[in-house]
């Protein structure tokens, strides 16, 4: 099987996985002790959703594309805000052209004493 994540980056499953990753890292940070994130199946750390690969499938439109435009209830927004903040950092002009992968999301969340 030939799998290239650039065709699927930002799809609904990717968004779900990255929200769970964000929540898990935020939970681990509640303790003062350092920790290490090991992702054995991470793709690259960054995706351009205007690339030929991402445009060919357009899967990101039903994932992160919908989420950034959605009216998210306040209760849910508080749970996913750290994730959305990271996505927004890579898209300072608004919208979503650039999408961070798992390694980038983890790196953005880690403290100085934590490791990736």
PDB file of N, CA and C in Angstrom:
ATOM      1  N   UNK A   1       0.838  -1.179   0.000  1.00  0.00           N
ATOM      2  CA  UNK A   1       0.000   0.000   0.000  1.00  0.00           C
ATOM      3  C   UNK A   1       0.884   1.243   0.000  1.00  0.00           C
ATOM      4  N   UNK A   2       0.552   2.167  -0.832  1.00  0.00           N
ATOM      5  CA  UNK A   2       1.275   3.431  -0.907  1.00  0.00           C
ATOM      6  C   UNK A   2       0.388   4.513  -0.299  1.00  0.00           C
ATOM      7  N   UNK A   3       0.753   5.001   0.864  1.00  0.00           N
ATOM      8  CA  UNK A   3      -0.046   6.014   1.555  1.00  0.00           C
ATOM      9  C   UNK A   3       0.754   7.297   1.671  1.00  0.00           C
ATOM     10  N   UNK A   4       0.172   8.377   1.208  1.00  0.00           N
ATOM     11  CA  UNK A   4       0.800   9.696   1.351  1.00  0.00           C
ATOM     12  C   UNK A   4      -0.204  10.596   2.047  1.00  0.00           C
ATOM     13  N   UNK A   5       0.155  11.004   3.249  1.00  0.00           N
ATOM     14  CA  UNK A   5      -0.782  11.756   4.080  1.00  0.00           C
ATOM     15  C   UNK A   5      -1.129  13.124   3.508  1.00  0.00           C
ATOM     16  N   UNK A   6      -0.307  13.655   2.623  1.00  0.00           N
ATOM     17  CA  UNK A   6      -0.583  14.967   2.029  1.00  0.00           C
ATOM     18  C   UNK A   6      -1.945  14.994   1.340  1.00  0.00           C
ATOM     19  N   UNK A   7      -2.439  13.834   0.909  1.00  0.00           N
ATOM     20  CA  UNK A   7      -3.755  13.757   0.277  1.00  0.00           C
ATOM     21  C   UNK A   7      -4.885  13.813   1.305  1.00  0.00           C
ATOM     22  N   UNK A   8      -4.578  13.540   2.560  1.00  0.00           N
ATOM     23  CA  UNK A   8      -5.609  13.401   3.590  1.00  0.00           C
ATOM     24  C   UNK A   8      -5.456  14.377   4.756  1.00  0.00           C
ATOM     25  N   UNK A   9      -4.421  15.187   4.734  1.00  0.00           N
ATOM     26  CA  UNK A   9      -4.155  16.117   5.842  1.00  0.00           C
ATOM     27  C   UNK A   9      -5.345  17.044   6.058  1.00  0.00           C
ATOM     28  N   UNK A  10      -5.721  17.189   7.316  1.00  0.00           N
ATOM     29  CA  UNK A  10      -6.802  18.097   7.675  1.00  0.00           C
ATOM     30  C   UNK A  10      -8.188  17.517   7.509  1.00  0.00           C
ATOM     31  N   UNK A  11      -8.293  16.231   7.146  1.00  0.00           N
ATOM     32  CA  UNK A  11      -9.628  15.649   7.011  1.00  0.00           C
ATOM     33  C   UNK A  11     -10.246  15.436   8.395  1.00  0.00           C
ATOM     34  N   UNK A  12     -11.502  14.976   8.445  1.00  0.00           N
ATOM     35  CA  UNK A  12     -12.198  14.885   9.730  1.00  0.00           C
ATOM     36  C   UNK A  12     -11.478  13.982  10.722  1.00  0.00           C
ATOM     37  N   UNK A  13     -10.880  12.884  10.248  1.00  0.00           N
ATOM     38  CA  UNK A  13     -10.167  11.978  11.147  1.00  0.00           C
ATOM     39  C   UNK A  13      -8.892  12.626  11.677  1.00  0.00           C
ATOM     40  N   UNK A  14      -8.214  13.384  10.843  1.00  0.00           N
ATOM     41  CA  UNK A  14      -7.008  14.100  11.249  1.00  0.00           C
ATOM     42  C   UNK A  14      -7.352  15.138  12.316  1.00  0.00           C
ATOM     43  N   UNK A  15      -8.432  15.866  12.093  1.00  0.00           N
ATOM     44  CA  UNK A  15      -8.872  16.879  13.060  1.00  0.00           C
ATOM     45  C   UNK A  15      -9.182  16.215  14.395  1.00  0.00           C
ATOM     46  N   UNK A  16      -9.919  15.111  14.367  1.00  0.00           N
ATOM     47  CA  UNK A  16     -10.257  14.393  15.596  1.00  0.00           C
ATOM     48  C   UNK A  16      -8.991  13.947  16.322  1.00  0.00           C
ATOM     49  N   UNK A  17      -8.068  13.335  15.581  1.00  0.00           N
ATOM     50  CA  UNK A  17      -6.805  12.861  16.164  1.00  0.00           C
ATOM     51  C   UNK A  17      -6.022  14.015  16.784  1.00  0.00           C
ATOM     52  N   UNK A  18      -5.973  15.145  16.112  1.00  0.00           N
ATOM     53  CA  UNK A  18      -5.204  16.287  16.615  1.00  0.00           C
ATOM     54  C   UNK A  18      -5.870  16.950  17.814  1.00  0.00           C
ATOM     55  N   UNK A  19      -7.191  16.934  17.872  1.00  0.00           N
ATOM     56  CA  UNK A  19      -7.878  17.452  19.064  1.00  0.00           C
ATOM     57  C   UNK A  19      -7.583  16.545  20.254  1.00  0.00           C
ATOM     58  N   UNK A  20      -7.637  15.233  20.045  1.00  0.00           N
ATOM     59  CA  UNK A  20      -7.314  14.290  21.128  1.00  0.00           C
ATOM     60  C   UNK A  20      -5.861  14.468  21.564  1.00  0.00           C
ATOM     61  N   UNK A  21      -4.939  14.601  20.625  1.00  0.00           N
ATOM     62  CA  UNK A  21      -3.530  14.839  20.950  1.00  0.00           C
ATOM     63  C   UNK A  21      -3.383  16.102  21.790  1.00  0.00           C
ATOM     64  N   UNK A  22      -4.042  17.161  21.375  1.00  0.00           N
ATOM     65  CA  UNK A  22      -3.963  18.430  22.101  1.00  0.00           C
ATOM     66  C   UNK A  22      -4.499  18.283  23.515  1.00  0.00           C
ATOM     67  N   UNK A  23      -5.645  17.637  23.663  1.00  0.00           N
ATOM     68  CA  UNK A  23      -6.235  17.445  24.994  1.00  0.00           C
ATOM     69  C   UNK A  23      -5.315  16.588  25.871  1.00  0.00           C
ATOM     70  N   UNK A  24      -4.714  15.548  25.298  1.00  0.00           N
ATOM     71  CA  UNK A  24      -3.828  14.671  26.073  1.00  0.00           C
ATOM     72  C   UNK A  24      -2.588  15.423  26.547  1.00  0.00           C
ATOM     73  N   UNK A  25      -1.972  16.196  25.669  1.00  0.00           N
ATOM     74  CA  UNK A  25      -0.778  16.959  26.053  1.00  0.00           C
ATOM     75  C   UNK A  25      -1.138  18.008  27.099  1.00  0.00           C
ATOM     76  N   UNK A  26      -2.251  18.689  26.916  1.00  0.00           N
ATOM     77  CA  UNK A  26      -2.671  19.689  27.904  1.00  0.00           C
ATOM     78  C   UNK A  26      -2.912  19.038  29.266  1.00  0.00           C
ATOM     79  N   UNK A  27      -3.454  17.834  29.280  1.00  0.00           N
ATOM     80  CA  UNK A  27      -3.674  17.122  30.536  1.00  0.00           C
ATOM     81  C   UNK A  27      -2.340  16.761  31.195  1.00  0.00           C
ATOM     82  N   UNK A  28      -1.393  16.266  30.406  1.00  0.00           N
ATOM     83  CA  UNK A  28      -0.086  15.908  30.955  1.00  0.00           C
ATOM     84  C   UNK A  28       0.639  17.122  31.537  1.00  0.00           C
ATOM     85  N   UNK A  29       0.391  18.280  30.981  1.00  0.00           N
ATOM     86  CA  UNK A  29       1.053  19.500  31.460  1.00  0.00           C
ATOM     87  C   UNK A  29       0.530  19.963  32.817  1.00  0.00           C
ATOM     88  N   UNK A  30      -0.559  19.380  33.285  1.00  0.00           N
ATOM     89  CA  UNK A  30      -1.088  19.765  34.605  1.00  0.00           C
ATOM     90  C   UNK A  30      -0.103  19.435  35.726  1.00  0.00           C
ATOM     91  N   UNK A  31       0.680  18.397  35.523  1.00  0.00           N
ATOM     92  CA  UNK A  31       1.718  18.049  36.491  1.00  0.00           C
ATOM     93  C   UNK A  31       2.980  18.810  36.129  1.00  0.00           C
ATOM     94  N   UNK A  32       3.785  19.091  37.108  1.00  0.00           N
ATOM     95  CA  UNK A  32       5.025  19.815  36.852  1.00  0.00           C
ATOM     96  C   UNK A  32       6.118  18.973  36.224  1.00  0.00           C
ATOM     97  N   UNK A  33       5.960  17.654  36.277  1.00  0.00           N
ATOM     98  CA  UNK A  33       7.015  16.773  35.778  1.00  0.00           C
ATOM     99  C   UNK A  33       7.088  16.795  34.253  1.00  0.00           C
ATOM    100  N   UNK A  34       8.313  16.706  33.722  1.00  0.00           N
ATOM    101  CA  UNK A  34       8.462  16.649  32.266  1.00  0.00           C
ATOM    102  C   UNK A  34       7.961  15.314  31.712  1.00  0.00           C
ATOM    103  N   UNK A  35       7.619  15.325  30.457  1.00  0.00           N
ATOM    104  CA  UNK A  35       7.183  14.109  29.774  1.00  0.00           C
ATOM    105  C   UNK A  35       7.695  14.137  28.340  1.00  0.00           C
ATOM    106  N   UNK A  36       7.550  13.011  27.669  1.00  0.00           N
ATOM    107  CA  UNK A  36       8.011  12.877  26.286  1.00  0.00           C
ATOM    108  C   UNK A  36       6.832  12.423  25.425  1.00  0.00           C
ATOM    109  N   UNK A  37       6.699  13.017  24.252  1.00  0.00           N
ATOM    110  CA  UNK A  37       5.695  12.600  23.271  1.00  0.00           C
ATOM    111  C   UNK A  37       6.413  11.782  22.207  1.00  0.00           C
ATOM    112  N   UNK A  38       5.934  10.568  21.984  1.00  0.00           N
ATOM    113  CA  UNK A  38       6.491   9.700  20.953  1.00  0.00           C
ATOM    114  C   UNK A  38       5.355   9.336  20.007  1.00  0.00           C
ATOM    115  N   UNK A  39       5.474   9.730  18.772  1.00  0.00           N
ATOM    116  CA  UNK A  39       4.454   9.444  17.759  1.00  0.00           C
ATOM    117  C   UNK A  39       5.092   8.561  16.702  1.00  0.00           C
ATOM    118  N   UNK A  40       4.765   7.289  16.730  1.00  0.00           N
ATOM    119  CA  UNK A  40       5.410   6.333  15.827  1.00  0.00           C
ATOM    120  C   UNK A  40       4.854   6.360  14.408  1.00  0.00           C
ATOM    121  N   UNK A  41       3.735   7.055  14.211  1.00  0.00           N
ATOM    122  CA  UNK A  41       3.116   7.062  12.887  1.00  0.00           C
ATOM    123  C   UNK A  41       2.879   8.474  12.354  1.00  0.00           C
ATOM    124  N   UNK A  42       3.627   9.425  12.850  1.00  0.00           N
ATOM    125  CA  UNK A  42       3.449  10.811  12.406  1.00  0.00           C
ATOM    126  C   UNK A  42       3.922  10.980  10.971  1.00  0.00           C
ATOM    127  N   UNK A  43       3.223  11.841  10.271  1.00  0.00           N
ATOM    128  CA  UNK A  43       3.666  12.226   8.930  1.00  0.00           C
ATOM    129  C   UNK A  43       4.594  13.418   9.070  1.00  0.00           C
ATOM    130  N   UNK A  44       4.638  14.248   8.055  1.00  0.00           N
ATOM    131  CA  UNK A  44       5.450  15.455   8.152  1.00  0.00           C
ATOM    132  C   UNK A  44       4.770  16.421   9.110  1.00  0.00           C
ATOM    133  N   UNK A  45       5.471  17.417   9.507  1.00  0.00           N
ATOM    134  CA  UNK A  45       4.940  18.329  10.511  1.00  0.00           C
ATOM    135  C   UNK A  45       4.111  19.466   9.977  1.00  0.00           C
ATOM    136  N   UNK A  46       3.974  19.557   8.657  1.00  0.00           N
ATOM    137  CA  UNK A  46       3.331  20.743   8.101  1.00  0.00           C
ATOM    138  C   UNK A  46       2.804  20.434   6.702  1.00  0.00           C
ATOM    139  N   UNK A  47       1.606  20.908   6.406  1.00  0.00           N
ATOM    140  CA  UNK A  47       0.991  20.645   5.102  1.00  0.00           C
ATOM    141  C   UNK A  47       0.444  21.930   4.499  1.00  0.00           C
ATOM    142  N   UNK A  48       0.629  22.071   3.202  1.00  0.00           N
ATOM    143  CA  UNK A  48       0.051  23.182   2.455  1.00  0.00           C
ATOM    144  C   UNK A  48      -1.223  22.655   1.802  1.00  0.00           C
ATOM    145  N   UNK A  49      -2.365  23.131   2.275  1.00  0.00           N
ATOM    146  CA  UNK A  49      -3.635  22.624   1.774  1.00  0.00           C
ATOM    147  C   UNK A  49      -3.981  23.148   0.380  1.00  0.00           C
ATOM    148  N   UNK A  50      -3.133  24.016  -0.150  1.00  0.00           N
ATOM    149  CA  UNK A  50      -3.320  24.444  -1.539  1.00  0.00           C
ATOM    150  C   UNK A  50      -2.465  23.607  -2.495  1.00  0.00           C
ATOM    151  N   UNK A  51      -1.765  22.609  -1.951  1.00  0.00           N
ATOM    152  CA  UNK A  51      -0.916  21.744  -2.784  1.00  0.00           C
ATOM    153  C   UNK A  51      -1.775  20.898  -3.723  1.00  0.00           C
ATOM    154  N   UNK A  52      -1.148  20.382  -4.762  1.00  0.00           N
ATOM    155  CA  UNK A  52      -1.859  19.516  -5.709  1.00  0.00           C
ATOM    156  C   UNK A  52      -2.459  18.306  -5.009  1.00  0.00           C
ATOM    157  N   UNK A  53      -1.706  17.718  -4.068  1.00  0.00           N
ATOM    158  CA  UNK A  53      -2.192  16.529  -3.360  1.00  0.00           C
ATOM    159  C   UNK A  53      -3.451  16.840  -2.554  1.00  0.00           C
ATOM    160  N   UNK A  54      -3.402  17.895  -1.762  1.00  0.00           N
ATOM    161  CA  UNK A  54      -4.552  18.250  -0.923  1.00  0.00           C
ATOM    162  C   UNK A  54      -5.748  18.669  -1.768  1.00  0.00           C
ATOM    163  N   UNK A  55      -5.488  19.346  -2.858  1.00  0.00           N
ATOM    164  CA  UNK A  55      -6.575  19.790  -3.730  1.00  0.00           C
ATOM    165  C   UNK A  55      -7.197  18.622  -4.503  1.00  0.00           C
ATOM    166  N   UNK A  56      -6.400  17.607  -4.778  1.00  0.00           N
ATOM    167  CA  UNK A  56      -6.910  16.466  -5.544  1.00  0.00           C
ATOM    168  C   UNK A  56      -8.052  15.771  -4.812  1.00  0.00           C
ATOM    169  N   UNK A  57      -7.903  15.556  -3.507  1.00  0.00           N
ATOM    170  CA  UNK A  57      -8.966  14.894  -2.744  1.00  0.00           C
ATOM    171  C   UNK A  57      -9.916  15.904  -2.108  1.00  0.00           C
ATOM    172  N   UNK A  58      -9.384  17.040  -1.688  1.00  0.00           N
ATOM    173  CA  UNK A  58     -10.213  18.055  -1.032  1.00  0.00           C
ATOM    174  C   UNK A  58     -10.771  17.616   0.309  1.00  0.00           C
ATOM    175  N   UNK A  59     -10.217  16.550   0.886  1.00  0.00           N
ATOM    176  CA  UNK A  59     -10.742  16.019   2.144  1.00  0.00           C
ATOM    177  C   UNK A  59     -10.697  17.035   3.274  1.00  0.00           C
ATOM    178  N   UNK A  60      -9.732  17.930   3.243  1.00  0.00           N
ATOM    179  CA  UNK A  60      -9.586  18.920   4.308  1.00  0.00           C
ATOM    180  C   UNK A  60     -10.808  19.833   4.398  1.00  0.00           C
ATOM    181  N   UNK A  61     -11.526  19.995   3.299  1.00  0.00           N
ATOM    182  CA  UNK A  61     -12.696  20.885   3.306  1.00  0.00           C
ATOM    183  C   UNK A  61     -13.785  20.381   4.250  1.00  0.00           C
ATOM    184  N   UNK A  62     -13.901  19.051   4.391  1.00  0.00           N
ATOM    185  CA  UNK A  62     -14.896  18.473   5.298  1.00  0.00           C
ATOM    186  C   UNK A  62     -14.341  18.246   6.695  1.00  0.00           C
ATOM    187  N   UNK A  63     -13.100  18.631   6.912  1.00  0.00           N
ATOM    188  CA  UNK A  63     -12.476  18.515   8.229  1.00  0.00           C
ATOM    189  C   UNK A  63     -12.198  19.886   8.797  1.00  0.00           C
ATOM    190  N   UNK A  64     -10.934  20.302   8.733  1.00  0.00           N
ATOM    191  CA  UNK A  64     -10.539  21.594   9.293  1.00  0.00           C
ATOM    192  C   UNK A  64     -11.228  22.745   8.569  1.00  0.00           C
ATOM    193  N   UNK A  65     -11.524  22.586   7.286  1.00  0.00           N
ATOM    194  CA  UNK A  65     -12.209  23.634   6.539  1.00  0.00           C
ATOM    195  C   UNK A  65     -13.565  23.970   7.124  1.00  0.00           C
ATOM    196  N   UNK A  66     -14.321  22.945   7.507  1.00  0.00           N
ATOM    197  CA  UNK A  66     -15.636  23.170   8.123  1.00  0.00           C
ATOM    198  C   UNK A  66     -15.503  23.680   9.547  1.00  0.00           C
ATOM    199  N   UNK A  67     -14.539  23.136  10.279  1.00  0.00           N
ATOM    200  CA  UNK A  67     -14.411  23.504  11.689  1.00  0.00           C
ATOM    201  C   UNK A  67     -14.056  24.973  11.870  1.00  0.00           C
ATOM    202  N   UNK A  68     -13.160  25.502  11.067  1.00  0.00           N
ATOM    203  CA  UNK A  68     -12.758  26.901  11.252  1.00  0.00           C
ATOM    204  C   UNK A  68     -13.874  27.866  10.884  1.00  0.00           C
ATOM    205  N   UNK A  69     -14.847  27.405  10.120  1.00  0.00           N
ATOM    206  CA  UNK A  69     -15.970  28.262   9.745  1.00  0.00           C
ATOM    207  C   UNK A  69     -17.211  28.015  10.591  1.00  0.00           C
ATOM    208  N   UNK A  70     -17.185  26.996  11.439  1.00  0.00           N
ATOM    209  CA  UNK A  70     -18.367  26.605  12.213  1.00  0.00           C
ATOM    210  C   UNK A  70     -18.609  27.537  13.397  1.00  0.00           C
ATOM    211  N   UNK A  71     -19.860  27.627  13.771  1.00  0.00           N
ATOM    212  CA  UNK A  71     -20.247  28.318  14.997  1.00  0.00           C
ATOM    213  C   UNK A  71     -20.205  27.264  16.108  1.00  0.00           C
ATOM    214  N   UNK A  72     -19.083  27.166  16.775  1.00  0.00           N
ATOM    215  CA  UNK A  72     -18.873  26.137  17.793  1.00  0.00           C
ATOM    216  C   UNK A  72     -19.444  26.631  19.119  1.00  0.00           C
ATOM    217  N   UNK A  73     -20.289  25.819  19.788  1.00  0.00           N
ATOM    218  CA  UNK A  73     -20.819  26.222  21.094  1.00  0.00           C
ATOM    219  C   UNK A  73     -19.685  26.514  22.079  1.00  0.00           C
ATOM    220  N   UNK A  74     -19.916  27.456  22.979  1.00  0.00           N
ATOM    221  CA  UNK A  74     -18.897  27.906  23.924  1.00  0.00           C
ATOM    222  C   UNK A  74     -18.284  26.754  24.710  1.00  0.00           C
ATOM    223  N   UNK A  75     -19.119  25.815  25.168  1.00  0.00           N
ATOM    224  CA  UNK A  75     -18.610  24.691  25.971  1.00  0.00           C
ATOM    225  C   UNK A  75     -17.616  23.864  25.156  1.00  0.00           C
ATOM    226  N   UNK A  76     -17.937  23.601  23.911  1.00  0.00           N
ATOM    227  CA  UNK A  76     -17.043  22.818  23.050  1.00  0.00           C
ATOM    228  C   UNK A  76     -15.822  23.634  22.652  1.00  0.00           C
ATOM    229  N   UNK A  77     -16.020  24.916  22.420  1.00  0.00           N
ATOM    230  CA  UNK A  77     -14.909  25.772  22.004  1.00  0.00           C
ATOM    231  C   UNK A  77     -13.807  25.796  23.057  1.00  0.00           C
ATOM    232  N   UNK A  78     -14.187  25.784  24.327  1.00  0.00           N
ATOM    233  CA  UNK A  78     -13.169  25.800  25.379  1.00  0.00           C
ATOM    234  C   UNK A  78     -12.320  24.526  25.344  1.00  0.00           C
ATOM    235  N   UNK A  79     -12.888  23.426  24.876  1.00  0.00           N
ATOM    236  CA  UNK A  79     -12.147  22.164  24.795  1.00  0.00           C
ATOM    237  C   UNK A  79     -11.199  22.111  23.603  1.00  0.00           C
ATOM    238  N   UNK A  80     -11.564  22.772  22.518  1.00  0.00           N
ATOM    239  CA  UNK A  80     -10.750  22.682  21.300  1.00  0.00           C
ATOM    240  C   UNK A  80      -9.953  23.952  21.012  1.00  0.00           C
ATOM    241  N   UNK A  81     -10.093  24.962  21.863  1.00  0.00           N
ATOM    242  CA  UNK A  81      -9.401  26.240  21.631  1.00  0.00           C
ATOM    243  C   UNK A  81      -7.889  26.094  21.482  1.00  0.00           C
ATOM    244  N   UNK A  82      -7.197  25.303  22.317  1.00  0.00           N
ATOM    245  CA  UNK A  82      -5.738  25.185  22.130  1.00  0.00           C
ATOM    246  C   UNK A  82      -5.371  24.652  20.737  1.00  0.00           C
ATOM    247  N   UNK A  83      -6.133  23.705  20.246  1.00  0.00           N
ATOM    248  CA  UNK A  83      -5.908  23.159  18.899  1.00  0.00           C
ATOM    249  C   UNK A  83      -6.160  24.226  17.833  1.00  0.00           C
ATOM    250  N   UNK A  84      -7.293  24.914  17.930  1.00  0.00           N
ATOM    251  CA  UNK A  84      -7.618  25.948  16.943  1.00  0.00           C
ATOM    252  C   UNK A  84      -6.620  27.098  16.987  1.00  0.00           C
ATOM    253  N   UNK A  85      -6.117  27.410  18.172  1.00  0.00           N
ATOM    254  CA  UNK A  85      -5.105  28.468  18.295  1.00  0.00           C
ATOM    255  C   UNK A  85      -3.838  28.111  17.519  1.00  0.00           C
ATOM    256  N   UNK A  86      -3.439  26.852  17.591  1.00  0.00           N
ATOM    257  CA  UNK A  86      -2.245  26.413  16.861  1.00  0.00           C
ATOM    258  C   UNK A  86      -2.479  26.512  15.357  1.00  0.00           C
ATOM    259  N   UNK A  87      -3.619  26.042  14.901  1.00  0.00           N
ATOM    260  CA  UNK A  87      -3.933  26.137  13.469  1.00  0.00           C
ATOM    261  C   UNK A  87      -3.925  27.601  13.035  1.00  0.00           C
ATOM    262  N   UNK A  88      -4.510  28.476  13.843  1.00  0.00           N
ATOM    263  CA  UNK A  88      -4.580  29.905  13.506  1.00  0.00           C
ATOM    264  C   UNK A  88      -3.193  30.544  13.445  1.00  0.00           C
ATOM    265  N   UNK A  89      -2.267  30.104  14.316  1.00  0.00           N
ATOM    266  CA  UNK A  89      -0.902  30.650  14.303  1.00  0.00           C
ATOM    267  C   UNK A  89      -0.217  30.467  12.956  1.00  0.00           C
ATOM    268  N   UNK A  90      -0.545  29.392  12.269  1.00  0.00           N
ATOM    269  CA  UNK A  90       0.070  29.113  10.975  1.00  0.00           C
ATOM    270  C   UNK A  90      -0.707  29.724   9.812  1.00  0.00           C
ATOM    271  N   UNK A  91      -1.800  30.391  10.135  1.00  0.00           N
ATOM    272  CA  UNK A  91      -2.637  31.041   9.127  1.00  0.00           C
ATOM    273  C   UNK A  91      -2.995  32.445   9.589  1.00  0.00           C
ATOM    274  N   UNK A  92      -2.003  33.321   9.743  1.00  0.00           N
ATOM    275  CA  UNK A  92      -2.257  34.648  10.311  1.00  0.00           C
ATOM    276  C   UNK A  92      -3.210  35.505   9.487  1.00  0.00           C
ATOM    277  N   UNK A  93      -3.381  35.187   8.218  1.00  0.00           N
ATOM    278  CA  UNK A  93      -4.301  35.951   7.380  1.00  0.00           C
ATOM    279  C   UNK A  93      -5.739  35.464   7.477  1.00  0.00           C
ATOM    280  N   UNK A  94      -5.986  34.483   8.346  1.00  0.00           N
ATOM    281  CA  UNK A  94      -7.313  33.891   8.466  1.00  0.00           C
ATOM    282  C   UNK A  94      -7.458  32.695   7.539  1.00  0.00           C
ATOM    283  N   UNK A  95      -8.582  32.050   7.627  1.00  0.00           N
ATOM    284  CA  UNK A  95      -8.813  30.857   6.815  1.00  0.00           C
ATOM    285  C   UNK A  95      -7.869  29.742   7.209  1.00  0.00           C
ATOM    286  N   UNK A  96      -7.703  28.801   6.309  1.00  0.00           N
ATOM    287  CA  UNK A  96      -6.789  27.697   6.594  1.00  0.00           C
ATOM    288  C   UNK A  96      -6.149  27.215   5.290  1.00  0.00           C
ATOM    289  N   UNK A  97      -4.941  27.680   5.068  1.00  0.00           N
ATOM    290  CA  UNK A  97      -4.150  27.193   3.935  1.00  0.00           C
ATOM    291  C   UNK A  97      -3.087  26.221   4.429  1.00  0.00           C
ATOM    292  N   UNK A  98      -2.513  26.533   5.578  1.00  0.00           N
ATOM    293  CA  UNK A  98      -1.448  25.699   6.128  1.00  0.00           C
ATOM    294  C   UNK A  98      -1.983  24.917   7.314  1.00  0.00           C
ATOM    295  N   UNK A  99      -1.636  23.632   7.354  1.00  0.00           N
ATOM    296  CA  UNK A  99      -2.150  22.764   8.412  1.00  0.00           C
ATOM    297  C   UNK A  99      -0.995  22.067   9.122  1.00  0.00           C
ATOM    298  N   UNK A 100      -0.895  22.259  10.442  1.00  0.00           N
ATOM    299  CA  UNK A 100       0.173  21.597  11.196  1.00  0.00           C
ATOM    300  C   UNK A 100      -0.132  20.118  11.406  1.00  0.00           C
ATOM    301  N   UNK A 101       0.880  19.288  11.243  1.00  0.00           N
ATOM    302  CA  UNK A 101       0.742  17.865  11.519  1.00  0.00           C
ATOM    303  C   UNK A 101       1.008  17.577  12.991  1.00  0.00           C
ATOM    304  N   UNK A 102       0.900  16.325  13.370  1.00  0.00           N
ATOM    305  CA  UNK A 102       1.063  15.924  14.771  1.00  0.00           C
ATOM    306  C   UNK A 102       2.369  16.399  15.404  1.00  0.00           C
ATOM    307  N   UNK A 103       3.527  16.248  14.733  1.00  0.00           N
ATOM    308  CA  UNK A 103       4.767  16.697  15.372  1.00  0.00           C
ATOM    309  C   UNK A 103       4.775  18.197  15.655  1.00  0.00           C
ATOM    310  N   UNK A 104       4.215  18.971  14.752  1.00  0.00           N
ATOM    311  CA  UNK A 104       4.181  20.421  14.950  1.00  0.00           C
ATOM    312  C   UNK A 104       3.220  20.790  16.063  1.00  0.00           C
ATOM    313  N   UNK A 105       2.066  20.149  16.101  1.00  0.00           N
ATOM    314  CA  UNK A 105       1.097  20.422  17.162  1.00  0.00           C
ATOM    315  C   UNK A 105       1.708  20.086  18.514  1.00  0.00           C
ATOM    316  N   UNK A 106       2.332  18.924  18.616  1.00  0.00           N
ATOM    317  CA  UNK A 106       2.964  18.539  19.883  1.00  0.00           C
ATOM    318  C   UNK A 106       4.051  19.535  20.269  1.00  0.00           C
ATOM    319  N   UNK A 107       4.903  19.898  19.316  1.00  0.00           N
ATOM    320  CA  UNK A 107       5.990  20.842  19.603  1.00  0.00           C
ATOM    321  C   UNK A 107       5.444  22.179  20.096  1.00  0.00           C
ATOM    322  N   UNK A 108       4.375  22.645  19.502  1.00  0.00           N
ATOM    323  CA  UNK A 108       3.780  23.922  19.901  1.00  0.00           C
ATOM    324  C   UNK A 108       3.231  23.878  21.323  1.00  0.00           C
ATOM    325  N   UNK A 109       2.826  22.710  21.776  1.00  0.00           N
ATOM    326  CA  UNK A 109       2.214  22.572  23.102  1.00  0.00           C
ATOM    327  C   UNK A 109       3.215  22.292  24.217  1.00  0.00           C
ATOM    328  N   UNK A 110       4.366  21.729  23.867  1.00  0.00           N
ATOM    329  CA  UNK A 110       5.312  21.296  24.893  1.00  0.00           C
ATOM    330  C   UNK A 110       5.982  22.469  25.598  1.00  0.00           C
ATOM    331  N   UNK A 111       6.320  22.213  26.844  1.00  0.00           N
ATOM    332  CA  UNK A 111       7.071  23.185  27.642  1.00  0.00           C
ATOM    333  C   UNK A 111       8.564  22.932  27.429  1.00  0.00           C
ATOM    334  N   UNK A 112       9.398  23.787  27.971  1.00  0.00           N
ATOM    335  CA  UNK A 112      10.844  23.657  27.811  1.00  0.00           C
ATOM    336  C   UNK A 112      11.409  22.351  28.318  1.00  0.00           C
ATOM    337  N   UNK A 113      10.835  21.798  29.381  1.00  0.00           N
ATOM    338  CA  UNK A 113      11.357  20.562  29.973  1.00  0.00           C
ATOM    339  C   UNK A 113      10.806  19.299  29.303  1.00  0.00           C
ATOM    340  N   UNK A 114       9.806  19.436  28.449  1.00  0.00           N
ATOM    341  CA  UNK A 114       9.211  18.286  27.774  1.00  0.00           C
ATOM    342  C   UNK A 114       9.979  17.979  26.489  1.00  0.00           C
ATOM    343  N   UNK A 115       9.809  16.771  25.982  1.00  0.00           N
ATOM    344  CA  UNK A 115      10.538  16.350  24.789  1.00  0.00           C
ATOM    345  C   UNK A 115       9.603  15.736  23.763  1.00  0.00           C
ATOM    346  N   UNK A 116      10.013  15.885  22.503  1.00  0.00           N
ATOM    347  CA  UNK A 116       9.285  15.287  21.387  1.00  0.00           C
ATOM    348  C   UNK A 116      10.183  14.252  20.747  1.00  0.00           C
TER     349      UNK A 116
END
